[in-house]
C-alpha atoms as a PDB file:
ATOM      1  CA  MET A   1       0.000   0.000   0.000  1.00  0.00           C
ATOM      2  CA  ARG A   2       1.365   3.411  -1.036  1.00  0.00           C
ATOM      3  CA  SER A   3       1.509   6.221   1.513  1.00  0.00           C
ATOM      4  CA  ASP A   4       0.909   9.888   0.760  1.00  0.00           C
ATOM      5  CA  ILE A   5       3.697  12.479   0.778  1.00  0.00           C
ATOM      6  CA  LYS A   6       3.003  13.715   4.325  1.00  0.00           C
ATOM      7  CA  THR A   7       3.108  10.184   5.712  1.00  0.00           C
ATOM      8  CA  ILE A   8       6.392   9.480   3.918  1.00  0.00           C
ATOM      9  CA  GLU A   9       7.875  12.734   5.222  1.00  0.00           C
ATOM     10  CA  GLU A  10       6.866  11.725   8.737  1.00  0.00           C
ATOM     11  CA  LYS A  11       8.530   8.339   8.247  1.00  0.00           C
ATOM     12  CA  ALA A  12      11.724  10.131   7.216  1.00  0.00           C
ATOM     13  CA  ARG A  13      11.584  12.171  10.431  1.00  0.00           C
ATOM     14  CA  ILE A  14      11.086   9.006  12.472  1.00  0.00           C
ATOM     15  CA  ILE A  15      13.977   7.302  10.686  1.00  0.00           C
ATOM     16  CA  ARG A  16      16.227  10.241  11.626  1.00  0.00           C
ATOM     17  CA  ARG A  17      15.101   9.954  15.252  1.00  0.00           C
ATOM     18  CA  HIS A  18      15.994   6.259  15.250  1.00  0.00           C
ATOM     19  CA  ILE A  19      19.418   7.013  13.752  1.00  0.00           C
ATOM     20  CA  ILE A  20      20.241   9.255  16.703  1.00  0.00           C
ATOM     21  CA  THR A  21      18.831   6.998  19.425  1.00  0.00           C
ATOM     22  CA  MET A  22      20.482   3.896  17.948  1.00  0.00           C
ATOM     23  CA  THR A  23      23.862   5.635  17.861  1.00  0.00           C
ATOM     24  CA  LEU A  24      23.405   6.712  21.477  1.00  0.00           C
ATOM     25  CA  GLU A  25      22.461   3.146  22.493  1.00  0.00           C
ATOM     26  CA  ALA A  26      25.555   1.811  20.686  1.00  0.00           C
ATOM     27  CA  GLY A  27      27.776   3.659  23.155  1.00  0.00           C
ATOM     28  CA  ASP A  28      31.460   3.447  22.345  1.00  0.00           C
ATOM     29  CA  GLN A  29      30.716   1.479  19.164  1.00  0.00           C
ATOM     30  CA  GLY A  30      29.133   4.569  17.617  1.00  0.00           C
ATOM     31  CA  GLY A  31      27.903   4.470  14.064  1.00  0.00           C
ATOM     32  CA  HIS A  32      27.986   6.039  10.615  1.00  0.00           C
ATOM     33  CA  VAL A  33      25.682   8.875  11.575  1.00  0.00           C
ATOM     34  CA  SER A  34      25.919  11.461   8.807  1.00  0.00           C
ATOM     35  CA  PRO A  35      25.741   9.046   5.819  1.00  0.00           C
ATOM     36  CA  ALA A  36      22.561   7.609   7.342  1.00  0.00           C
ATOM     37  CA  LEU A  37      20.914  10.986   7.951  1.00  0.00           C
ATOM     38  CA  SER A  38      21.398  12.001   4.314  1.00  0.00           C
ATOM     39  CA  MET A  39      19.381   9.020   3.040  1.00  0.00           C
ATOM     40  CA  ALA A  40      16.287   9.239   5.266  1.00  0.00           C
ATOM     41  CA  GLU A  41      13.878  10.564   2.614  1.00  0.00           C
ATOM     42  CA  ILE A  42      15.220   8.122   0.037  1.00  0.00           C
ATOM     43  CA  MET A  43      14.576   5.162   2.334  1.00  0.00           C
ATOM     44  CA  ALA A  44      11.165   6.406   3.433  1.00  0.00           C
ATOM     45  CA  THR A  45      10.109   6.999  -0.171  1.00  0.00           C
ATOM     46  CA  LEU A  46      11.244   3.566  -1.324  1.00  0.00           C
ATOM     47  CA  TYR A  47       9.690   1.599   1.535  1.00  0.00           C
ATOM     48  CA  PHE A  48       6.474   3.575   1.952  1.00  0.00           C
ATOM     49  CA  GLY A  49       5.838   4.954  -1.514  1.00  0.00           C
ATOM     50  CA  VAL A  50       7.507   2.847  -4.195  1.00  0.00           C
ATOM     51  CA  MET A  51       8.540  -0.734  -3.480  1.00  0.00           C
ATOM     52  CA  ASP A  52       6.381  -3.856  -3.450  1.00  0.00           C
ATOM     53  CA  TYR A  53       7.130  -6.315  -0.627  1.00  0.00           C
ATOM     54  CA  ASP A  54       5.410  -8.539   1.920  1.00  0.00           C
ATOM     55  CA  VAL A  55       6.602  -8.291   5.533  1.00  0.00           C
ATOM     56  CA  LYS A  56       4.913 -11.633   6.284  1.00  0.00           C
ATOM     57  CA  ASP A  57       6.922 -13.258   3.503  1.00  0.00           C
ATOM     58  CA  PRO A  58      10.268 -11.418   3.219  1.00  0.00           C
ATOM     59  CA  ARG A  59      11.415 -13.823   0.478  1.00  0.00           C
ATOM     60  CA  TRP A  60       8.291 -13.410  -1.641  1.00  0.00           C
ATOM     61  CA  PRO A  61       9.618 -14.175  -5.159  1.00  0.00           C
ATOM     62  CA  ASP A  62       7.852 -11.223  -6.802  1.00  0.00           C
ATOM     63  CA  ARG A  63       9.037  -8.574  -4.325  1.00  0.00           C
ATOM     64  CA  ASP A  64      11.071  -5.574  -5.398  1.00  0.00           C
ATOM     65  CA  ARG A  65      14.681  -5.827  -4.258  1.00  0.00           C
ATOM     66  CA  PHE A  66      16.764  -3.220  -2.456  1.00  0.00           C
ATOM     67  CA  VAL A  67      20.563  -3.186  -2.244  1.00  0.00           C
ATOM     68  CA  LEU A  68      22.318  -0.818   0.147  1.00  0.00           C
ATOM     69  CA  SER A  69      25.613  -0.592  -1.686  1.00  0.00           C
ATOM     70  CA  LYS A  70      26.815   2.025   0.815  1.00  0.00           C
ATOM     71  CA  GLY A  71      26.424  -0.606   3.516  1.00  0.00           C
ATOM     72  CA  HIS A  72      27.907   1.639   6.208  1.00  0.00           C
ATOM     73  CA  GLY A  73      24.680   3.669   5.986  1.00  0.00           C
ATOM     74  CA  VAL A  74      22.807   0.848   7.678  1.00  0.00           C
ATOM     75  CA  LEU A  75      21.649   3.165  10.490  1.00  0.00           C
ATOM     76  CA  GLY A  76      19.213   4.545   7.912  1.00  0.00           C
ATOM     77  CA  TYR A  77      18.226   1.077   6.658  1.00  0.00           C
ATOM     78  CA  TYR A  78      17.287  -0.787   9.841  1.00  0.00           C
ATOM     79  CA  PRO A  79      14.704   1.831  10.918  1.00  0.00           C
ATOM     80  CA  ALA A  80      12.997   1.703   7.520  1.00  0.00           C
ATOM     81  CA  LEU A  81      12.716  -2.094   7.776  1.00  0.00           C
ATOM     82  CA  ALA A  82      11.459  -1.939  11.368  1.00  0.00           C
ATOM     83  CA  GLU A  83       8.923   0.800  10.608  1.00  0.00           C
ATOM     84  CA  ALA A  84       7.720  -1.254   7.629  1.00  0.00           C
ATOM     85  CA  GLY A  85       7.169  -4.230   9.967  1.00  0.00           C
ATOM     86  CA  PHE A  86       9.947  -6.646   9.053  1.00  0.00           C
ATOM     87  CA  PHE A  87      11.059  -6.913  12.684  1.00  0.00           C
ATOM     88  CA  PRO A  88      10.039  -5.334  16.032  1.00  0.00           C
ATOM     89  CA  LEU A  89      11.028  -1.740  16.688  1.00  0.00           C
ATOM     90  CA  GLU A  90      12.489  -2.827  20.046  1.00  0.00           C
ATOM     91  CA  MET A  91      15.288  -4.578  18.152  1.00  0.00           C
ATOM     92  CA  LEU A  92      16.675  -1.217  17.078  1.00  0.00           C
ATOM     93  CA  LYS A  93      17.916  -0.704  20.650  1.00  0.00           C
ATOM     94  CA  THR A  94      20.317  -3.619  20.176  1.00  0.00           C
ATOM     95  CA  PHE A  95      22.297  -1.984  17.352  1.00  0.00           C
ATOM     96  CA  GLU A  96      25.990  -2.918  17.557  1.00  0.00           C
ATOM     97  CA  LYS A  97      25.542  -4.676  20.905  1.00  0.00           C
ATOM     98  CA  LYS A  98      27.006  -8.099  21.630  1.00  0.00           C
ATOM     99  CA  ASP A  99      25.075 -10.944  19.960  1.00  0.00           C
ATOM    100  CA  SER A 100      22.749  -8.479  18.201  1.00  0.00           C
ATOM    101  CA  TYR A 101      21.510  -9.252  14.697  1.00  0.00           C
ATOM    102  CA  LEU A 102      21.876  -5.552  13.871  1.00  0.00           C
ATOM    103  CA  GLY A 103      25.547  -5.051  13.096  1.00  0.00           C
ATOM    104  CA  GLY A 104      27.375  -2.127  11.529  1.00  0.00           C
ATOM    105  CA  HIS A 105      26.694  -3.443   8.018  1.00  0.00           C
ATOM    106  CA  PRO A 106      23.582  -5.267   6.747  1.00  0.00           C
ATOM    107  CA  CYS A 107      23.521  -9.068   6.819  1.00  0.00           C
ATOM    108  CA  SER A 108      20.874 -10.912   4.783  1.00  0.00           C
ATOM    109  CA  LYS A 109      21.289 -14.099   6.824  1.00  0.00           C
ATOM    110  CA  LEU A 110      20.342 -12.409  10.094  1.00  0.00           C
ATOM    111  CA  VAL A 111      17.811  -9.654   9.357  1.00  0.00           C
ATOM    112  CA  PRO A 112      14.433 -10.165   7.621  1.00  0.00           C
ATOM    113  CA  GLY A 113      13.931  -7.883   4.645  1.00  0.00           C
ATOM    114  CA  ILE A 114      17.603  -7.557   3.706  1.00  0.00           C
ATOM    115  CA  ASP A 115      18.159  -9.019   0.251  1.00  0.00           C
ATOM    116  CA  ILE A 116      21.947  -8.940   0.196  1.00  0.00           C
ATOM    117  CA  SER A 117      24.765  -8.397   2.689  1.00  0.00           C
ATOM    118  CA  SER A 118      26.855  -5.373   1.794  1.00  0.00           C
ATOM    119  CA  GLY A 119      29.625  -3.091   2.904  1.00  0.00           C
ATOM    120  CA  SER A 120      32.490  -3.506   0.430  1.00  0.00           C
ATOM    121  CA  MET A 121      32.369  -0.381  -1.704  1.00  0.00           C
ATOM    122  CA  GLY A 122      31.560  -0.792  -5.382  1.00  0.00           C
ATOM    123  CA  GLN A 123      29.843  -4.170  -5.095  1.00  0.00           C
ATOM    124  CA  GLY A 124      26.179  -3.204  -4.815  1.00  0.00           C
ATOM    125  CA  LEU A 125      25.487  -2.186  -8.403  1.00  0.00           C
ATOM    126  CA  PRO A 126      27.072  -5.324  -9.918  1.00  0.00           C
ATOM    127  CA  VAL A 127      24.980  -7.461  -7.533  1.00  0.00           C
ATOM    128  CA  GLY A 128      21.851  -5.439  -8.269  1.00  0.00           C
ATOM    129  CA  LEU A 129      22.450  -5.861 -11.991  1.00  0.00           C
ATOM    130  CA  GLY A 130      22.616  -9.619 -11.494  1.00  0.00           C
ATOM    131  CA  MET A 131      19.307  -9.544  -9.623  1.00  0.00           C
ATOM    132  CA  ALA A 132      17.694  -7.435 -12.347  1.00  0.00           C
ATOM    133  CA  LYS A 133      18.932  -9.755 -15.071  1.00  0.00           C
ATOM    134  CA  ALA A 134      17.642 -12.756 -13.118  1.00  0.00           C
ATOM    135  CA  ALA A 135      14.183 -11.153 -13.090  1.00  0.00           C
ATOM    136  CA  THR A 136      14.106 -10.917 -16.882  1.00  0.00           C
ATOM    137  CA  MET A 137      15.410 -14.473 -17.260  1.00  0.00           C
ATOM    138  CA  ASP A 138      12.693 -15.767 -14.915  1.00  0.00           C
ATOM    139  CA  ASP A 139      10.017 -13.590 -16.550  1.00  0.00           C
ATOM    140  CA  LYS A 140       9.425 -11.688 -13.305  1.00  0.00           C
ATOM    141  CA  GLY A 141       8.269  -8.089 -13.077  1.00  0.00           C
ATOM    142  CA  TYR A 142      10.118  -6.913  -9.993  1.00  0.00           C
ATOM    143  CA  TYR A 143      12.448  -3.915  -9.841  1.00  0.00           C
ATOM    144  CA  VAL A 144      15.857  -3.670  -8.212  1.00  0.00           C
ATOM    145  CA  TYR A 145      16.854  -0.455  -6.427  1.00  0.00           C
ATOM    146  CA  VAL A 146      20.504   0.139  -5.515  1.00  0.00           C
ATOM    147  CA  LEU A 147      21.553   3.002  -3.227  1.00  0.00           C
ATOM    148  CA  ILE A 148      25.116   4.145  -3.908  1.00  0.00           C
ATOM    149  CA  GLY A 149      27.228   6.771  -2.177  1.00  0.00           C
ATOM    150  CA  ASP A 150      28.712   9.438  -4.435  1.00  0.00           C
ATOM    151  CA  GLY A 151      32.162   8.727  -2.994  1.00  0.00           C
ATOM    152  CA  GLU A 152      31.608   5.114  -3.981  1.00  0.00           C
ATOM    153  CA  LEU A 153      31.597   6.178  -7.628  1.00  0.00           C
ATOM    154  CA  ASN A 154      35.393   6.217  -7.308  1.00  0.00           C
ATOM    155  CA  GLU A 155      35.220   2.414  -7.559  1.00  0.00           C
ATOM    156  CA  GLY A 156      35.805   1.059 -11.072  1.00  0.00           C
ATOM    157  CA  SER A 157      33.443  -1.874 -10.496  1.00  0.00           C
ATOM    158  CA  VAL A 158      30.532   0.580 -10.433  1.00  0.00           C
ATOM    159  CA  TRP A 159      31.296   1.735 -13.972  1.00  0.00           C
ATOM    160  CA  GLU A 160      31.781  -1.812 -15.237  1.00  0.00           C
ATOM    161  CA  ALA A 161      28.231  -2.527 -14.053  1.00  0.00           C
ATOM    162  CA  VAL A 162      26.998   0.731 -15.600  1.00  0.00           C
ATOM    163  CA  MET A 163      28.369  -0.331 -18.990  1.00  0.00           C
ATOM    164  CA  LEU A 164      26.945  -3.847 -18.811  1.00  0.00           C
ATOM    165  CA  ALA A 165      23.524  -2.717 -17.575  1.00  0.00           C
ATOM    166  CA  ALA A 166      23.194  -0.406 -20.580  1.00  0.00           C
ATOM    167  CA  GLN A 167      24.301  -3.198 -22.921  1.00  0.00           C
ATOM    168  CA  LEU A 168      21.698  -5.566 -21.443  1.00  0.00           C
ATOM    169  CA  LYS A 169      18.992  -2.838 -21.430  1.00  0.00           C
ATOM    170  CA  THR A 170      17.995  -3.734 -17.857  1.00  0.00           C
ATOM    171  CA  ASP A 171      15.105  -1.317 -17.480  1.00  0.00           C
ATOM    172  CA  ASN A 172      14.107  -2.901 -14.155  1.00  0.00           C
ATOM    173  CA  LEU A 173      17.326  -1.615 -12.535  1.00  0.00           C
ATOM    174  CA  VAL A 174      17.295   1.754 -10.764  1.00  0.00           C
ATOM    175  CA  ALA A 175      20.431   3.154  -9.152  1.00  0.00           C
ATOM    176  CA  ILE A 176      20.110   5.970  -6.619  1.00  0.00           C
ATOM    177  CA  ILE A 177      23.102   8.198  -5.930  1.00  0.00           C
ATOM    178  CA  ASP A 178      23.171   9.738  -2.456  1.00  0.00           C
ATOM    179  CA  LYS A 179      24.970  12.849  -3.725  1.00  0.00           C
ATOM    180  CA  ASN A 180      25.988  14.510  -0.472  1.00  0.00           C
ATOM    181  CA  GLY A 181      29.430  15.661  -1.603  1.00  0.00           C
ATOM    182  CA  LEU A 182      31.414  14.073   1.228  1.00  0.00           C
ATOM    183  CA  GLN A 183      33.169  10.794   1.901  1.00  0.00           C
ATOM    184  CA  HIS A 184      35.230   9.417   4.760  1.00  0.00           C
ATOM    185  CA  ASP A 185      38.358  11.397   3.875  1.00  0.00           C
ATOM    186  CA  GLY A 186      36.786  14.737   3.001  1.00  0.00           C
ATOM    187  CA  TYR A 187      35.052  16.535   0.155  1.00  0.00           C
ATOM    188  CA  ILE A 188      34.643  14.438  -2.973  1.00  0.00           C
ATOM    189  CA  SER A 189      35.613  17.379  -5.174  1.00  0.00           C
ATOM    190  CA  ASP A 190      39.006  17.429  -3.403  1.00  0.00           C
ATOM    191  CA  ILE A 191      39.605  13.688  -3.757  1.00  0.00           C
ATOM    192  CA  VAL A 192      38.206  12.342  -7.053  1.00  0.00           C
ATOM    193  CA  GLY A 193      35.471  14.593  -8.405  1.00  0.00           C
ATOM    194  CA  ASN A 194      32.472  13.049 -10.159  1.00  0.00           C
ATOM    195  CA  GLY A 195      32.007  15.850 -12.688  1.00  0.00           C
ATOM    196  CA  PRO A 196      28.668  16.199 -14.516  1.00  0.00           C
ATOM    197  CA  MET A 197      27.110  13.017 -13.158  1.00  0.00           C
ATOM    198  CA  ALA A 198      23.943  12.965 -15.272  1.00  0.00           C
ATOM    199  CA  GLU A 199      25.953  13.458 -18.460  1.00  0.00           C
ATOM    200  CA  ARG A 200      28.337  10.671 -17.514  1.00  0.00           C
ATOM    201  CA  PHE A 201      25.556   8.148 -16.906  1.00  0.00           C
ATOM    202  CA  GLY A 202      23.735   9.376 -20.001  1.00  0.00           C
ATOM    203  CA  SER A 203      26.830   8.807 -22.139  1.00  0.00           C
ATOM    204  CA  PHE A 204      26.707   5.136 -21.134  1.00  0.00           C
ATOM    205  CA  GLY A 205      23.069   4.834 -22.224  1.00  0.00           C
ATOM    206  CA  TRP A 206      21.322   5.317 -18.882  1.00  0.00           C
ATOM    207  CA  GLY A 207      18.341   7.518 -18.213  1.00  0.00           C
ATOM    208  CA  ALA A 208      19.412  10.088 -15.594  1.00  0.00           C
ATOM    209  CA  ILE A 209      17.029  12.006 -13.344  1.00  0.00           C
ATOM    210  CA  GLU A 210      18.325  14.720 -11.002  1.00  0.00           C
ATOM    211  CA  CYS A 211      16.269  15.725  -7.975  1.00  0.00           C
ATOM    212  CA  ASP A 212      16.330  17.058  -4.431  1.00  0.00           C
ATOM    213  CA  GLY A 213      16.981  13.963  -2.334  1.00  0.00           C
ATOM    214  CA  HIS A 214      15.144  15.488   0.630  1.00  0.00           C
ATOM    215  CA  ASP A 215      11.987  16.313  -1.351  1.00  0.00           C
ATOM    216  CA  VAL A 216       9.639  13.321  -1.237  1.00  0.00           C
ATOM    217  CA  GLY A 217       7.486  14.648  -4.077  1.00  0.00           C
ATOM    218  CA  GLN A 218      10.485  14.948  -6.381  1.00  0.00           C
ATOM    219  CA  LEU A 219      11.730  11.497  -5.409  1.00  0.00           C
ATOM    220  CA  LEU A 220       8.343   9.924  -6.144  1.00  0.00           C
ATOM    221  CA  LYS A 221       8.256  11.556  -9.586  1.00  0.00           C
ATOM    222  CA  ALA A 222      11.804  10.408 -10.305  1.00  0.00           C
ATOM    223  CA  PHE A 223      11.014   6.790  -9.445  1.00  0.00           C
ATOM    224  CA  GLU A 224       7.777   6.942 -11.412  1.00  0.00           C
ATOM    225  CA  TYR A 225       9.663   8.139 -14.478  1.00  0.00           C
ATOM    226  CA  ALA A 226      12.341   5.468 -14.038  1.00  0.00           C
ATOM    227  CA  LYS A 227       9.643   2.776 -14.134  1.00  0.00           C
ATOM    228  CA  SER A 228       7.758   4.255 -17.088  1.00  0.00           C
ATOM    229  CA  ASP A 229      10.719   4.866 -19.413  1.00  0.00           C
ATOM    230  CA  LYS A 230      11.434   1.431 -20.876  1.00  0.00           C
ATOM    231  CA  GLY A 231      14.442  -0.032 -22.644  1.00  0.00           C
ATOM    232  CA  ARG A 232      17.289   1.275 -20.450  1.00  0.00           C
ATOM    233  CA  PRO A 233      18.433   1.368 -16.820  1.00  0.00           C
ATOM    234  CA  HIS A 234      17.966   4.551 -14.809  1.00  0.00           C
ATOM    235  CA  VAL A 235      19.821   6.509 -12.185  1.00  0.00           C
ATOM    236  CA  VAL A 236      18.202   8.903  -9.729  1.00  0.00           C
ATOM    237  CA  ILE A 237      20.822  11.470  -8.755  1.00  0.00           C
ATOM    238  CA  ALA A 238      19.561  12.683  -5.382  1.00  0.00           C
ATOM    239  CA  GLU A 239      21.157  15.911  -4.161  1.00  0.00           C
ATOM    240  CA  THR A 240      21.436  15.534  -0.392  1.00  0.00           C
ATOM    241  CA  ILE A 241      23.117  17.053   2.645  1.00  0.00           C
ATOM    242  CA  LYS A 242      25.330  14.774   4.681  1.00  0.00           C
ATOM    243  CA  GLY A 243      23.986  14.776   8.238  1.00  0.00           C
ATOM    244  CA  LYS A 244      20.706  16.363   7.103  1.00  0.00           C
ATOM    245  CA  GLY A 245      18.439  17.512   9.914  1.00  0.00           C
ATOM    246  CA  VAL A 246      21.014  18.081  12.645  1.00  0.00           C
ATOM    247  CA  SER A 247      22.874  21.397  12.455  1.00  0.00           C
ATOM    248  CA  PHE A 248      26.032  20.334  14.256  1.00  0.00           C
ATOM    249  CA  ILE A 249      26.367  17.224  12.069  1.00  0.00           C
ATOM    250  CA  GLU A 250      25.495  18.641   8.640  1.00  0.00           C
ATOM    251  CA  ASN A 251      28.452  18.731   6.215  1.00  0.00           C
ATOM    252  CA  LYS A 252      30.940  17.824   8.939  1.00  0.00           C
ATOM    253  CA  VAL A 253      33.541  15.265   7.819  1.00  0.00           C
ATOM    254  CA  GLU A 254      34.209  14.163  11.409  1.00  0.00           C
ATOM    255  CA  TRP A 255      30.634  12.862  11.763  1.00  0.00           C
ATOM    256  CA  HIS A 256      31.031  10.215   9.038  1.00  0.00           C
ATOM    257  CA  HIS A 257      31.489   7.706  11.852  1.00  0.00           C
ATOM    258  CA  ALA A 258      31.191   9.034  15.376  1.00  0.00           C
ATOM    259  CA  LEU A 259      29.972   8.595  18.922  1.00  0.00           C
ATOM    260  CA  ILE A 260      27.122  10.679  20.303  1.00  0.00           C
ATOM    261  CA  ASP A 261      26.462  11.577  23.921  1.00  0.00           C
ATOM    262  CA  ALA A 262      23.145  12.132  25.688  1.00  0.00           C
ATOM    263  CA  GLU A 263      23.290  15.923  25.464  1.00  0.00           C
ATOM    264  CA  GLN A 264      24.064  15.859  21.750  1.00  0.00           C
ATOM    265  CA  ALA A 265      21.342  13.272  21.156  1.00  0.00           C
ATOM    266  CA  GLU A 266      18.764  15.394  22.971  1.00  0.00           C
ATOM    267  CA  LYS A 267      19.637  18.455  20.902  1.00  0.00           C
ATOM    268  CA  ALA A 268      19.637  16.440  17.667  1.00  0.00           C
ATOM    269  CA  ILE A 269      16.186  14.972  18.356  1.00  0.00           C
ATOM    270  CA  LYS A 270      14.793  18.410  19.182  1.00  0.00           C
ATOM    271  CA  GLU A 271      16.071  19.706  15.858  1.00  0.00           C
ATOM    272  CA  ILE A 272      14.661  16.707  14.003  1.00  0.00           C
ATOM    273  CA  ASP A 273      11.286  17.212  15.697  1.00  0.00           C
ATOM    274  CA  GLY A 274      11.333  20.911  14.852  1.00  0.00           C
ATOM    275  CA  VAL A 275      11.464  22.054  18.477  1.00  0.00           C
ATOM    276  CA  LEU A 276      14.684  24.018  17.869  1.00  0.00           C
END
């Protein structure tokens, strides 16, 4: 069942809240806070406005697939799955604790709703392409959505998959770039710049849609177009802010992976809730 824009926006707010509380609960393990905050609207839109799935049957053969190629952003993935109903919300409190199923990167063998384990940069799109090709070989109608970090585009394996996907005309494959401009070591433009991203994907034969990655309405339209334009794969280039929603985290390199204390968490949640 598809949710309306306001409901999806509220889910994004709730996902951000979970990101902060989970990081606080993790204690000295911390978490990849800012890369998770930048993807909240993307995750909420996919799970509450776009994808087909069945929480009672996580391996339903006709479900849409999701691959978190930027596996370190799992703090933004677990809350979406829990809010969708794949596992109890109480489990979120166990993030990064001993014997918890919810580790620092997603594991498909432990957590319902996760289609593939991930974390090694550059691997998600090749895997997603394989899933999309399998759908056409099995005469299935499902779509495969792959969320990629813009720093991850430095990996050559991404572009190998881009070339092959265009060659195979896998129009059931949709890549999403979380274009927040930062990676672990600093600003992407200072490390290996991505240049005109839409033109680069377009030159390989992909359909490229640019949008505000924090605007649910724009995201919905982008995904709708990606599904309606047949004969080629698509990329949604989502302009985002790393650490979105928390002023002292936004665009700060040091918050890529960090600890958070109770005072910081309280302030962050107030900002997310619009109190500050």
